[in-house]
């Protein structure tokens, strides 16, 4: 009976351990998306600054 409990516990734990890891392709896609978002934000910030400067001149 103890052996059955031990095996079932190990089986459940091993199933949980496989899903804990993030696949490298997903992690790479996430990193690329974050970098793209940072670049877009920087471009938007620069464009906003240019518009503010134009408004100051007018």
Protein backbone atom coordinates (compact mmCIF):
# COMPACT_ATOMS: atom_id res chain seq x y z
CA UNK A 1 0.00 0.00 0.00
CA UNK A 2 2.85 2.36 0.85
CA UNK A 3 4.53 1.50 -2.41
CA UNK A 4 1.40 2.39 -4.38
CA UNK A 5 1.16 5.72 -2.57
CA UNK A 6 4.84 6.42 -3.22
CA UNK A 7 4.56 5.64 -6.94
CA UNK A 8 1.42 7.72 -7.37
CA UNK A 9 3.05 10.66 -5.57
CA UNK A 10 6.16 10.40 -7.72
CA UNK A 11 4.05 10.20 -10.85
CA UNK A 12 2.13 13.36 -9.94
CA UNK A 13 5.30 15.22 -9.02
CA UNK A 14 7.04 14.20 -12.24
CA UNK A 15 4.05 15.43 -14.26
CA UNK A 16 4.22 18.81 -12.50
CA UNK A 17 7.93 19.17 -13.05
CA UNK A 18 7.66 18.93 -16.85
CA UNK A 19 5.31 21.92 -17.08
CA UNK A 20 7.47 24.09 -14.82
CA UNK A 21 10.08 24.68 -17.52
CA UNK A 22 9.54 27.38 -20.11
CA UNK A 23 10.50 26.21 -23.60
CA UNK A 24 13.44 28.17 -24.95
CA UNK A 25 11.58 29.13 -28.13
CA UNK A 26 8.79 30.73 -26.09
CA UNK A 27 11.33 32.51 -23.92
CA UNK A 28 13.16 33.77 -27.00
CA UNK A 29 9.90 35.04 -28.55
CA UNK A 30 9.06 36.84 -25.31
CA UNK A 31 12.49 38.45 -25.15
CA UNK A 32 12.23 39.59 -28.77
CA UNK A 33 8.77 41.03 -28.14
CA UNK A 34 10.02 42.95 -25.11
CA UNK A 35 12.89 44.41 -27.14
CA UNK A 36 10.50 45.39 -29.94
CA UNK A 37 8.20 47.08 -27.44
CA UNK A 38 11.12 49.01 -25.96
CA UNK A 39 12.18 50.17 -29.42
CA UNK A 40 8.63 51.23 -30.29
CA UNK A 41 8.35 53.11 -27.00
CA UNK A 42 11.63 54.92 -27.62
CA UNK A 43 10.50 55.92 -31.12
CA UNK A 44 7.18 57.19 -29.79
CA UNK A 45 9.00 59.15 -27.07
CA UNK A 46 11.31 60.76 -29.64
CA UNK A 47 8.37 61.66 -31.87
CA UNK A 48 6.54 63.18 -28.91
CA UNK A 49 9.59 65.29 -28.03
CA UNK A 50 9.79 66.57 -31.62
CA UNK A 51 6.13 67.53 -31.57
CA UNK A 52 6.58 69.32 -28.25
CA UNK A 53 9.54 71.26 -29.68
CA UNK A 54 7.48 72.24 -32.75
CA UNK A 55 4.65 73.47 -30.54
CA UNK A 56 7.14 75.52 -28.53
CA UNK A 57 8.43 77.22 -31.68
CA UNK A 58 4.95 78.08 -32.97
